[in-house]
Structure formats: structure tokens, C-alpha cells
Amino acid sequence: MPDVKISIAGRDYFVACNPGEEQRLMDLGAMVDAIALEAGGGSRGLTENRALLFSALLLADKLQDAGGGAVAAPNAQTSAAFAQSADVLEGLAVRLENLALRLEN
């Protein structure tokens, strides 16, 4: 599994993906980075956890707006995309939790 370096709000993360998915992961990372910067990540004294929370909320808001306020029934393709996005976000969350634990000790 290749590791892809993505930068979110000025921090670099290495995320594993399936072969051939590197560019998609980099594109998703760029989208998350843009939202994280919009949410104030890396500034205003937000912790990484709160910046991630606000980023997720902004992404959810944009996703809902793009669907006209209604959430469409997922098909196989959107379900797979959501699962992949969830895996990426879960990996980031684990890394953030580990970082928080190291900072506490």
C-alpha cells in the first residue's frame, strides 16, 4: 500500500491507500485542506481536534447544500466514495488522538 503525504492546515500527514488511488487521495486532501483553512485551522488558537470538527461540519454543510438540502439515497458508487472518505478521516482521527496523547504526557 502506498503512503501519500497530504497537508492539512499546515501539517503533513502520511495516509496509506490502495495502488492507483494516490491522486484521488491527494485531491481529497487538498479539498480538506481548503476547508480546514476556511474553518480556521492553524490559527485562532483552535486545537487540532476542534479544527477537524469545524472542518467536518463545513464539509457536511457544503455537501448538503450541493444536494439542494436533501440527502440523496446512496448508490454503490457514492457508498464506496463515502467509505473511502471515512477511512481517510478515521486514519486522521487516530493520528490526532495519538498526537493529543503524546502532548498530554
PDB file of N, CA and C in Angstrom:
ATOM      1  N   MET A   1       0.845  -1.189   0.000  1.00  0.00           N
ATOM      2  CA  MET A   1       0.000   0.000   0.000  1.00  0.00           C
ATOM      3  C   MET A   1       0.882   1.240   0.000  1.00  0.00           C
ATOM      4  N   PRO A   2       0.679   2.100  -0.968  1.00  0.00           N
ATOM      5  CA  PRO A   2       1.464   3.329  -0.990  1.00  0.00           C
ATOM      6  C   PRO A   2       1.027   4.289   0.109  1.00  0.00           C
ATOM      7  N   ASP A   3       1.985   5.057   0.599  1.00  0.00           N
ATOM      8  CA  ASP A   3       1.700   6.142   1.535  1.00  0.00           C
ATOM      9  C   ASP A   3       1.720   7.443   0.755  1.00  0.00           C
ATOM     10  N   VAL A   4       0.714   8.272   0.994  1.00  0.00           N
ATOM     11  CA  VAL A   4       0.605   9.558   0.327  1.00  0.00           C
ATOM     12  C   VAL A   4       0.720  10.640   1.383  1.00  0.00           C
ATOM     13  N   LYS A   5       1.541  11.645   1.098  1.00  0.00           N
ATOM     14  CA  LYS A   5       1.661  12.772   2.017  1.00  0.00           C
ATOM     15  C   LYS A   5       0.625  13.817   1.634  1.00  0.00           C
ATOM     16  N   ILE A   6      -0.233  14.159   2.580  1.00  0.00           N
ATOM     17  CA  ILE A   6      -1.192  15.238   2.366  1.00  0.00           C
ATOM     18  C   ILE A   6      -0.944  16.293   3.438  1.00  0.00           C
ATOM     19  N   SER A   7      -1.207  17.517   3.103  1.00  0.00           N
ATOM     20  CA  SER A   7      -1.012  18.621   4.028  1.00  0.00           C
ATOM     21  C   SER A   7      -2.368  19.219   4.353  1.00  0.00           C
ATOM     22  N   ILE A   8      -2.686  19.241   5.638  1.00  0.00           N
ATOM     23  CA  ILE A   8      -3.954  19.801   6.108  1.00  0.00           C
ATOM     24  C   ILE A   8      -3.622  20.906   7.109  1.00  0.00           C
ATOM     25  N   ALA A   9      -4.019  22.123   6.796  1.00  0.00           N
ATOM     26  CA  ALA A   9      -3.822  23.278   7.674  1.00  0.00           C
ATOM     27  C   ALA A   9      -2.371  23.395   8.132  1.00  0.00           C
ATOM     28  N   GLY A  10      -1.453  23.197   7.191  1.00  0.00           N
ATOM     29  CA  GLY A  10      -0.050  23.374   7.504  1.00  0.00           C
ATOM     30  C   GLY A  10       0.639  22.188   8.145  1.00  0.00           C
ATOM     31  N   ARG A  11      -0.066  21.088   8.323  1.00  0.00           N
ATOM     32  CA  ARG A  11       0.535  19.885   8.909  1.00  0.00           C
ATOM     33  C   ARG A  11       0.535  18.784   7.865  1.00  0.00           C
ATOM     34  N   ASP A  12       1.621  18.028   7.840  1.00  0.00           N
ATOM     35  CA  ASP A  12       1.728  16.927   6.894  1.00  0.00           C
ATOM     36  C   ASP A  12       1.294  15.625   7.550  1.00  0.00           C
ATOM     37  N   TYR A  13       0.570  14.824   6.792  1.00  0.00           N
ATOM     38  CA  TYR A  13       0.102  13.514   7.235  1.00  0.00           C
ATOM     39  C   TYR A  13       0.427  12.498   6.147  1.00  0.00           C
ATOM     40  N   PHE A  14       0.815  11.316   6.562  1.00  0.00           N
ATOM     41  CA  PHE A  14       1.048  10.226   5.625  1.00  0.00           C
ATOM     42  C   PHE A  14      -0.105   9.248   5.771  1.00  0.00           C
ATOM     43  N   VAL A  15      -0.808   9.017   4.667  1.00  0.00           N
ATOM     44  CA  VAL A  15      -2.012   8.193   4.666  1.00  0.00           C
ATOM     45  C   VAL A  15      -1.829   7.076   3.647  1.00  0.00           C
ATOM     46  N   ALA A  16      -2.100   5.856   4.057  1.00  0.00           N
ATOM     47  CA  ALA A  16      -1.998   4.712   3.152  1.00  0.00           C
ATOM     48  C   ALA A  16      -3.237   4.631   2.271  1.00  0.00           C
ATOM     49  N   CYS A  17      -3.027   4.172   1.047  1.00  0.00           N
ATOM     50  CA  CYS A  17      -4.139   3.983   0.128  1.00  0.00           C
ATOM     51  C   CYS A  17      -3.828   2.797  -0.769  1.00  0.00           C
ATOM     52  N   ASN A  18      -4.810   2.390  -1.534  1.00  0.00           N
ATOM     53  CA  ASN A  18      -4.621   1.299  -2.490  1.00  0.00           C
ATOM     54  C   ASN A  18      -3.822   1.811  -3.691  1.00  0.00           C
ATOM     55  N   PRO A  19      -3.061   0.931  -4.334  1.00  0.00           N
ATOM     56  CA  PRO A  19      -2.334   1.353  -5.537  1.00  0.00           C
ATOM     57  C   PRO A  19      -3.298   1.938  -6.568  1.00  0.00           C
ATOM     58  N   GLY A  20      -2.883   3.041  -7.162  1.00  0.00           N
ATOM     59  CA  GLY A  20      -3.705   3.710  -8.165  1.00  0.00           C
ATOM     60  C   GLY A  20      -4.640   4.763  -7.601  1.00  0.00           C
ATOM     61  N   GLU A  21      -4.756   4.856  -6.275  1.00  0.00           N
ATOM     62  CA  GLU A  21      -5.654   5.828  -5.651  1.00  0.00           C
ATOM     63  C   GLU A  21      -4.916   7.045  -5.112  1.00  0.00           C
ATOM     64  N   GLU A  22      -3.622   7.136  -5.415  1.00  0.00           N
ATOM     65  CA  GLU A  22      -2.806   8.210  -4.854  1.00  0.00           C
ATOM     66  C   GLU A  22      -3.320   9.595  -5.239  1.00  0.00           C
ATOM     67  N   GLN A  23      -3.606   9.807  -6.517  1.00  0.00           N
ATOM     68  CA  GLN A  23      -4.041  11.123  -6.970  1.00  0.00           C
ATOM     69  C   GLN A  23      -5.384  11.506  -6.353  1.00  0.00           C
ATOM     70  N   ARG A  24      -6.295  10.548  -6.268  1.00  0.00           N
ATOM     71  CA  ARG A  24      -7.603  10.835  -5.648  1.00  0.00           C
ATOM     72  C   ARG A  24      -7.430  11.249  -4.198  1.00  0.00           C
ATOM     73  N   LEU A  25      -6.547  10.547  -3.485  1.00  0.00           N
ATOM     74  CA  LEU A  25      -6.301  10.886  -2.081  1.00  0.00           C
ATOM     75  C   LEU A  25      -5.686  12.276  -1.970  1.00  0.00           C
ATOM     76  N   MET A  26      -4.764  12.613  -2.869  1.00  0.00           N
ATOM     77  CA  MET A  26      -4.175  13.958  -2.847  1.00  0.00           C
ATOM     78  C   MET A  26      -5.234  15.016  -3.148  1.00  0.00           C
ATOM     79  N   ASP A  27      -6.142  14.723  -4.086  1.00  0.00           N
ATOM     80  CA  ASP A  27      -7.223  15.662  -4.402  1.00  0.00           C
ATOM     81  C   ASP A  27      -8.159  15.845  -3.205  1.00  0.00           C
ATOM     82  N   LEU A  28      -8.497  14.739  -2.550  1.00  0.00           N
ATOM     83  CA  LEU A  28      -9.342  14.823  -1.351  1.00  0.00           C
ATOM     84  C   LEU A  28      -8.638  15.604  -0.252  1.00  0.00           C
ATOM     85  N   GLY A  29      -7.346  15.358  -0.092  1.00  0.00           N
ATOM     86  CA  GLY A  29      -6.563  16.092   0.903  1.00  0.00           C
ATOM     87  C   GLY A  29      -6.562  17.582   0.631  1.00  0.00           C
ATOM     88  N   ALA A  30      -6.452  17.957  -0.641  1.00  0.00           N
ATOM     89  CA  ALA A  30      -6.480  19.383  -0.998  1.00  0.00           C
ATOM     90  C   ALA A  30      -7.837  20.003  -0.661  1.00  0.00           C
ATOM     91  N   MET A  31      -8.908  19.241  -0.883  1.00  0.00           N
ATOM     92  CA  MET A  31     -10.242  19.739  -0.538  1.00  0.00           C
ATOM     93  C   MET A  31     -10.370  19.937   0.968  1.00  0.00           C
ATOM     94  N   VAL A  32      -9.909  18.945   1.730  1.00  0.00           N
ATOM     95  CA  VAL A  32      -9.983  19.044   3.185  1.00  0.00           C
ATOM     96  C   VAL A  32      -9.114  20.197   3.675  1.00  0.00           C
ATOM     97  N   ASP A  33      -7.934  20.379   3.064  1.00  0.00           N
ATOM     98  CA  ASP A  33      -7.048  21.474   3.444  1.00  0.00           C
ATOM     99  C   ASP A  33      -7.730  22.816   3.236  1.00  0.00           C
ATOM    100  N   ALA A  34      -8.384  22.990   2.095  1.00  0.00           N
ATOM    101  CA  ALA A  34      -9.084  24.249   1.826  1.00  0.00           C
ATOM    102  C   ALA A  34     -10.172  24.504   2.864  1.00  0.00           C
ATOM    103  N   ILE A  35     -10.908  23.461   3.215  1.00  0.00           N
ATOM    104  CA  ILE A  35     -11.972  23.612   4.222  1.00  0.00           C
ATOM    105  C   ILE A  35     -11.365  23.880   5.597  1.00  0.00           C
ATOM    106  N   ALA A  36     -10.264  23.195   5.920  1.00  0.00           N
ATOM    107  CA  ALA A  36      -9.614  23.391   7.221  1.00  0.00           C
ATOM    108  C   ALA A  36      -9.125  24.828   7.358  1.00  0.00           C
ATOM    109  N   LEU A  37      -8.581  25.378   6.284  1.00  0.00           N
ATOM    110  CA  LEU A  37      -8.130  26.770   6.333  1.00  0.00           C
ATOM    111  C   LEU A  37      -9.315  27.713   6.477  1.00  0.00           C
ATOM    112  N   GLU A  38     -10.416  27.387   5.797  1.00  0.00           N
ATOM    113  CA  GLU A  38     -11.641  28.190   5.921  1.00  0.00           C
ATOM    114  C   GLU A  38     -12.185  28.116   7.354  1.00  0.00           C
ATOM    115  N   ALA A  39     -12.044  26.944   7.964  1.00  0.00           N
ATOM    116  CA  ALA A  39     -12.546  26.745   9.327  1.00  0.00           C
ATOM    117  C   ALA A  39     -11.627  27.361  10.377  1.00  0.00           C
ATOM    118  N   GLY A  40     -10.477  27.835   9.943  1.00  0.00           N
ATOM    119  CA  GLY A  40      -9.573  28.471  10.893  1.00  0.00           C
ATOM    120  C   GLY A  40      -8.494  27.550  11.414  1.00  0.00           C
ATOM    121  N   GLY A  41      -8.282  26.414  10.777  1.00  0.00           N
ATOM    122  CA  GLY A  41      -7.235  25.502  11.202  1.00  0.00           C
ATOM    123  C   GLY A  41      -5.883  26.176  11.115  1.00  0.00           C
ATOM    124  N   GLY A  42      -5.072  25.993  12.141  1.00  0.00           N
ATOM    125  CA  GLY A  42      -3.754  26.596  12.170  1.00  0.00           C
ATOM    126  C   GLY A  42      -3.757  28.032  12.668  1.00  0.00           C
ATOM    127  N   SER A  43      -4.919  28.549  13.044  1.00  0.00           N
ATOM    128  CA  SER A  43      -4.987  29.919  13.564  1.00  0.00           C
ATOM    129  C   SER A  43      -6.086  29.999  14.617  1.00  0.00           C
ATOM    130  N   ARG A  44      -6.266  31.164  15.140  1.00  0.00           N
ATOM    131  CA  ARG A  44      -7.305  31.453  16.141  1.00  0.00           C
ATOM    132  C   ARG A  44      -7.200  30.569  17.368  1.00  0.00           C
ATOM    133  N   GLY A  45      -6.074  29.920  17.591  1.00  0.00           N
ATOM    134  CA  GLY A  45      -5.898  29.134  18.797  1.00  0.00           C
ATOM    135  C   GLY A  45      -6.730  27.870  18.863  1.00  0.00           C
ATOM    136  N   LEU A  46      -7.256  27.407  17.730  1.00  0.00           N
ATOM    137  CA  LEU A  46      -8.044  26.175  17.730  1.00  0.00           C
ATOM    138  C   LEU A  46      -7.123  24.978  17.924  1.00  0.00           C
ATOM    139  N   THR A  47      -7.554  24.039  18.736  1.00  0.00           N
ATOM    140  CA  THR A  47      -6.822  22.781  18.822  1.00  0.00           C
ATOM    141  C   THR A  47      -7.053  22.010  17.535  1.00  0.00           C
ATOM    142  N   GLU A  48      -6.199  21.025  17.270  1.00  0.00           N
ATOM    143  CA  GLU A  48      -6.370  20.227  16.058  1.00  0.00           C
ATOM    144  C   GLU A  48      -7.723  19.525  16.060  1.00  0.00           C
ATOM    145  N   ASN A  49      -8.153  19.059  17.229  1.00  0.00           N
ATOM    146  CA  ASN A  49      -9.441  18.368  17.300  1.00  0.00           C
ATOM    147  C   ASN A  49     -10.589  19.294  16.935  1.00  0.00           C
ATOM    148  N   ARG A  50     -10.562  20.515  17.435  1.00  0.00           N
ATOM    149  CA  ARG A  50     -11.640  21.457  17.124  1.00  0.00           C
ATOM    150  C   ARG A  50     -11.574  21.897  15.671  1.00  0.00           C
ATOM    151  N   ALA A  51     -10.365  22.086  15.141  1.00  0.00           N
ATOM    152  CA  ALA A  51     -10.229  22.441  13.733  1.00  0.00           C
ATOM    153  C   ALA A  51     -10.784  21.320  12.860  1.00  0.00           C
ATOM    154  N   LEU A  52     -10.509  20.063  13.236  1.00  0.00           N
ATOM    155  CA  LEU A  52     -11.051  18.920  12.490  1.00  0.00           C
ATOM    156  C   LEU A  52     -12.578  18.892  12.597  1.00  0.00           C
ATOM    157  N   LEU A  53     -13.101  19.173  13.777  1.00  0.00           N
ATOM    158  CA  LEU A  53     -14.549  19.218  13.965  1.00  0.00           C
ATOM    159  C   LEU A  53     -15.188  20.271  13.066  1.00  0.00           C
ATOM    160  N   PHE A  54     -14.644  21.495  13.087  1.00  0.00           N
ATOM    161  CA  PHE A  54     -15.206  22.560  12.270  1.00  0.00           C
ATOM    162  C   PHE A  54     -15.058  22.244  10.784  1.00  0.00           C
ATOM    163  N   SER A  55     -13.952  21.640  10.401  1.00  0.00           N
ATOM    164  CA  SER A  55     -13.755  21.249   9.002  1.00  0.00           C
ATOM    165  C   SER A  55     -14.812  20.236   8.571  1.00  0.00           C
ATOM    166  N   ALA A  56     -15.056  19.239   9.426  1.00  0.00           N
ATOM    167  CA  ALA A  56     -16.058  18.220   9.113  1.00  0.00           C
ATOM    168  C   ALA A  56     -17.444  18.850   8.998  1.00  0.00           C
ATOM    169  N   LEU A  57     -17.758  19.780   9.891  1.00  0.00           N
ATOM    170  CA  LEU A  57     -19.061  20.442   9.836  1.00  0.00           C
ATOM    171  C   LEU A  57     -19.212  21.275   8.556  1.00  0.00           C
ATOM    172  N   LEU A  58     -18.161  21.990   8.178  1.00  0.00           N
ATOM    173  CA  LEU A  58     -18.221  22.772   6.938  1.00  0.00           C
ATOM    174  C   LEU A  58     -18.361  21.868   5.718  1.00  0.00           C
ATOM    175  N   LEU A  59     -17.643  20.748   5.698  1.00  0.00           N
ATOM    176  CA  LEU A  59     -17.770  19.804   4.592  1.00  0.00           C
ATOM    177  C   LEU A  59     -19.183  19.238   4.512  1.00  0.00           C
ATOM    178  N   ALA A  60     -19.747  18.878   5.660  1.00  0.00           N
ATOM    179  CA  ALA A  60     -21.106  18.342   5.691  1.00  0.00           C
ATOM    180  C   ALA A  60     -22.104  19.394   5.209  1.00  0.00           C
ATOM    181  N   ASP A  61     -21.889  20.643   5.616  1.00  0.00           N
ATOM    182  CA  ASP A  61     -22.765  21.731   5.187  1.00  0.00           C
ATOM    183  C   ASP A  61     -22.696  21.924   3.671  1.00  0.00           C
ATOM    184  N   LYS A  62     -21.488  21.926   3.113  1.00  0.00           N
ATOM    185  CA  LYS A  62     -21.322  22.080   1.669  1.00  0.00           C
ATOM    186  C   LYS A  62     -21.918  20.887   0.919  1.00  0.00           C
ATOM    187  N   LEU A  63     -21.753  19.706   1.468  1.00  0.00           N
ATOM    188  CA  LEU A  63     -22.315  18.505   0.845  1.00  0.00           C
ATOM    189  C   LEU A  63     -23.835  18.583   0.820  1.00  0.00           C
ATOM    190  N   GLN A  64     -24.417  19.003   1.918  1.00  0.00           N
ATOM    191  CA  GLN A  64     -25.872  19.120   1.976  1.00  0.00           C
ATOM    192  C   GLN A  64     -26.367  20.215   1.036  1.00  0.00           C
ATOM    193  N   ASP A  65     -25.650  21.349   0.989  1.00  0.00           N
ATOM    194  CA  ASP A  65     -26.036  22.428   0.071  1.00  0.00           C
ATOM    195  C   ASP A  65     -25.953  21.975  -1.382  1.00  0.00           C
ATOM    196  N   ALA A  66     -24.942  21.207  -1.708  1.00  0.00           N
ATOM    197  CA  ALA A  66     -24.774  20.723  -3.078  1.00  0.00           C
ATOM    198  C   ALA A  66     -25.914  19.800  -3.485  1.00  0.00           C
ATOM    199  N   GLY A  67     -26.503  19.129  -2.510  1.00  0.00           N
ATOM    200  CA  GLY A  67     -27.625  18.239  -2.791  1.00  0.00           C
ATOM    201  C   GLY A  67     -28.964  18.942  -2.707  1.00  0.00           C
ATOM    202  N   GLY A  68     -28.958  20.263  -2.629  1.00  0.00           N
ATOM    203  CA  GLY A  68     -30.209  21.011  -2.563  1.00  0.00           C
ATOM    204  C   GLY A  68     -30.900  20.876  -1.217  1.00  0.00           C
ATOM    205  N   GLY A  69     -30.134  20.542  -0.168  1.00  0.00           N
ATOM    206  CA  GLY A  69     -30.706  20.433   1.158  1.00  0.00           C
ATOM    207  C   GLY A  69     -31.239  19.052   1.474  1.00  0.00           C
ATOM    208  N   ALA A  70     -31.322  18.203   0.456  1.00  0.00           N
ATOM    209  CA  ALA A  70     -31.805  16.845   0.684  1.00  0.00           C
ATOM    210  C   ALA A  70     -30.652  15.879   0.490  1.00  0.00           C
ATOM    211  N   VAL A  71     -30.649  14.846   1.264  1.00  0.00           N
ATOM    212  CA  VAL A  71     -29.625  13.826   1.138  1.00  0.00           C
ATOM    213  C   VAL A  71     -30.162  12.737   0.230  1.00  0.00           C
ATOM    214  N   ALA A  72     -29.488  12.538  -0.899  1.00  0.00           N
ATOM    215  CA  ALA A  72     -29.933  11.535  -1.864  1.00  0.00           C
ATOM    216  C   ALA A  72     -29.641  10.136  -1.354  1.00  0.00           C
ATOM    217  N   ALA A  73     -30.437   9.193  -1.806  1.00  0.00           N
ATOM    218  CA  ALA A  73     -30.192   7.801  -1.449  1.00  0.00           C
ATOM    219  C   ALA A  73     -28.870   7.371  -2.067  1.00  0.00           C
ATOM    220  N   PRO A  74     -27.975   6.808  -1.259  1.00  0.00           N
ATOM    221  CA  PRO A  74     -26.668   6.450  -1.791  1.00  0.00           C
ATOM    222  C   PRO A  74     -26.761   5.287  -2.770  1.00  0.00           C
ATOM    223  N   ASN A  75     -25.959   5.356  -3.822  1.00  0.00           N
ATOM    224  CA  ASN A  75     -25.825   4.224  -4.723  1.00  0.00           C
ATOM    225  C   ASN A  75     -24.483   3.557  -4.431  1.00  0.00           C
ATOM    226  N   ALA A  76     -24.133   2.539  -5.172  1.00  0.00           N
ATOM    227  CA  ALA A  76     -22.901   1.794  -4.890  1.00  0.00           C
ATOM    228  C   ALA A  76     -21.674   2.683  -5.020  1.00  0.00           C
ATOM    229  N   GLN A  77     -21.668   3.575  -6.015  1.00  0.00           N
ATOM    230  CA  GLN A  77     -20.505   4.438  -6.225  1.00  0.00           C
ATOM    231  C   GLN A  77     -20.350   5.443  -5.092  1.00  0.00           C
ATOM    232  N   THR A  78     -21.449   6.099  -4.690  1.00  0.00           N
ATOM    233  CA  THR A  78     -21.335   7.065  -3.601  1.00  0.00           C
ATOM    234  C   THR A  78     -21.041   6.367  -2.289  1.00  0.00           C
ATOM    235  N   SER A  79     -21.577   5.177  -2.092  1.00  0.00           N
ATOM    236  CA  SER A  79     -21.280   4.427  -0.869  1.00  0.00           C
ATOM    237  C   SER A  79     -19.798   4.099  -0.782  1.00  0.00           C
ATOM    238  N   ALA A  80     -19.205   3.705  -1.905  1.00  0.00           N
ATOM    239  CA  ALA A  80     -17.776   3.398  -1.922  1.00  0.00           C
ATOM    240  C   ALA A  80     -16.956   4.657  -1.657  1.00  0.00           C
ATOM    241  N   ALA A  81     -17.361   5.789  -2.239  1.00  0.00           N
ATOM    242  CA  ALA A  81     -16.647   7.048  -2.018  1.00  0.00           C
ATOM    243  C   ALA A  81     -16.757   7.470  -0.559  1.00  0.00           C
ATOM    244  N   PHE A  82     -17.954   7.325   0.028  1.00  0.00           N
ATOM    245  CA  PHE A  82     -18.126   7.659   1.439  1.00  0.00           C
ATOM    246  C   PHE A  82     -17.277   6.749   2.318  1.00  0.00           C
ATOM    247  N   ALA A  83     -17.225   5.468   1.992  1.00  0.00           N
ATOM    248  CA  ALA A  83     -16.426   4.521   2.779  1.00  0.00           C
ATOM    249  C   ALA A  83     -14.950   4.890   2.698  1.00  0.00           C
ATOM    250  N   GLN A  84     -14.480   5.250   1.509  1.00  0.00           N
ATOM    251  CA  GLN A  84     -13.078   5.630   1.357  1.00  0.00           C
ATOM    252  C   GLN A  84     -12.793   6.915   2.134  1.00  0.00           C
ATOM    253  N   SER A  85     -13.682   7.886   2.032  1.00  0.00           N
ATOM    254  CA  SER A  85     -13.508   9.135   2.771  1.00  0.00           C
ATOM    255  C   SER A  85     -13.526   8.881   4.274  1.00  0.00           C
ATOM    256  N   ALA A  86     -14.403   8.004   4.714  1.00  0.00           N
ATOM    257  CA  ALA A  86     -14.472   7.668   6.129  1.00  0.00           C
ATOM    258  C   ALA A  86     -13.179   7.019   6.604  1.00  0.00           C
ATOM    259  N   ASP A  87     -12.602   6.153   5.771  1.00  0.00           N
ATOM    260  CA  ASP A  87     -11.331   5.518   6.130  1.00  0.00           C
ATOM    261  C   ASP A  87     -10.229   6.558   6.281  1.00  0.00           C
ATOM    262  N   VAL A  88     -10.182   7.511   5.352  1.00  0.00           N
ATOM    263  CA  VAL A  88      -9.166   8.567   5.420  1.00  0.00           C
ATOM    264  C   VAL A  88      -9.355   9.399   6.674  1.00  0.00           C
ATOM    265  N   LEU A  89     -10.596   9.802   6.946  1.00  0.00           N
ATOM    266  CA  LEU A  89     -10.871  10.609   8.130  1.00  0.00           C
ATOM    267  C   LEU A  89     -10.596   9.837   9.417  1.00  0.00           C
ATOM    268  N   GLU A  90     -10.904   8.545   9.424  1.00  0.00           N
ATOM    269  CA  GLU A  90     -10.622   7.730  10.599  1.00  0.00           C
ATOM    270  C   GLU A  90      -9.119   7.656  10.852  1.00  0.00           C
ATOM    271  N   GLY A  91      -8.343   7.495   9.784  1.00  0.00           N
ATOM    272  CA  GLY A  91      -6.884   7.479   9.929  1.00  0.00           C
ATOM    273  C   GLY A  91      -6.365   8.787  10.492  1.00  0.00           C
ATOM    274  N   LEU A  92      -6.906   9.910  10.003  1.00  0.00           N
ATOM    275  CA  LEU A  92      -6.510  11.212  10.534  1.00  0.00           C
ATOM    276  C   LEU A  92      -6.909  11.362  11.999  1.00  0.00           C
ATOM    277  N   ALA A  93      -8.097  10.888  12.330  1.00  0.00           N
ATOM    278  CA  ALA A  93      -8.561  10.984  13.718  1.00  0.00           C
ATOM    279  C   ALA A  93      -7.668  10.182  14.654  1.00  0.00           C
ATOM    280  N   VAL A  94      -7.268   8.993  14.233  1.00  0.00           N
ATOM    281  CA  VAL A  94      -6.378   8.166  15.061  1.00  0.00           C
ATOM    282  C   VAL A  94      -5.057   8.887  15.265  1.00  0.00           C
ATOM    283  N   ARG A  95      -4.531   9.464  14.209  1.00  0.00           N
ATOM    284  CA  ARG A  95      -3.260  10.183  14.330  1.00  0.00           C
ATOM    285  C   ARG A  95      -3.395  11.400  15.236  1.00  0.00           C
ATOM    286  N   LEU A  96      -4.526  12.094  15.136  1.00  0.00           N
ATOM    287  CA  LEU A  96      -4.754  13.241  16.020  1.00  0.00           C
ATOM    288  C   LEU A  96      -4.870  12.810  17.477  1.00  0.00           C
ATOM    289  N   GLU A  97      -5.563  11.703  17.712  1.00  0.00           N
ATOM    290  CA  GLU A  97      -5.681  11.197  19.083  1.00  0.00           C
ATOM    291  C   GLU A  97      -4.318  10.806  19.636  1.00  0.00           C
ATOM    292  N   ASN A  98      -3.495  10.160  18.817  1.00  0.00           N
ATOM    293  CA  ASN A  98      -2.155   9.781  19.258  1.00  0.00           C
ATOM    294  C   ASN A  98      -1.316  11.015  19.566  1.00  0.00           C
ATOM    295  N   LEU A  99      -1.438  12.040  18.730  1.00  0.00           N
ATOM    296  CA  LEU A  99      -0.717  13.280  18.973  1.00  0.00           C
ATOM    297  C   LEU A  99      -1.176  13.923  20.277  1.00  0.00           C
ATOM    298  N   ALA A 100      -2.483  13.934  20.500  1.00  0.00           N
ATOM    299  CA  ALA A 100      -3.010  14.516  21.731  1.00  0.00           C
ATOM    300  C   ALA A 100      -2.505  13.767  22.956  1.00  0.00           C
ATOM    301  N   LEU A 101      -2.432  12.444  22.867  1.00  0.00           N
ATOM    302  CA  LEU A 101      -1.918  11.646  23.978  1.00  0.00           C
ATOM    303  C   LEU A 101      -0.459  11.969  24.245  1.00  0.00           C
ATOM    304  N   ARG A 102       0.328  12.112  23.184  1.00  0.00           N
ATOM    305  CA  ARG A 102       1.752  12.447  23.369  1.00  0.00           C
ATOM    306  C   ARG A 102       1.903  13.830  23.973  1.00  0.00           C
ATOM    307  N   LEU A 103       1.067  14.776  23.588  1.00  0.00           N
ATOM    308  CA  LEU A 103       1.150  16.117  24.142  1.00  0.00           C
ATOM    309  C   LEU A 103       0.744  16.171  25.601  1.00  0.00           C
ATOM    310  N   GLU A 104      -0.184  15.303  26.000  1.00  0.00           N
ATOM    311  CA  GLU A 104      -0.634  15.260  27.387  1.00  0.00           C
ATOM    312  C   GLU A 104       0.425  14.685  28.306  1.00  0.00           C
ATOM    313  N   ASN A 105       1.273  13.822  27.781  1.00  0.00           N
ATOM    314  CA  ASN A 105       2.297  13.155  28.611  1.00  0.00           C
ATOM    315  C   ASN A 105       3.591  13.899  28.606  1.00  0.00           C
TER     316      ASN A 105
END
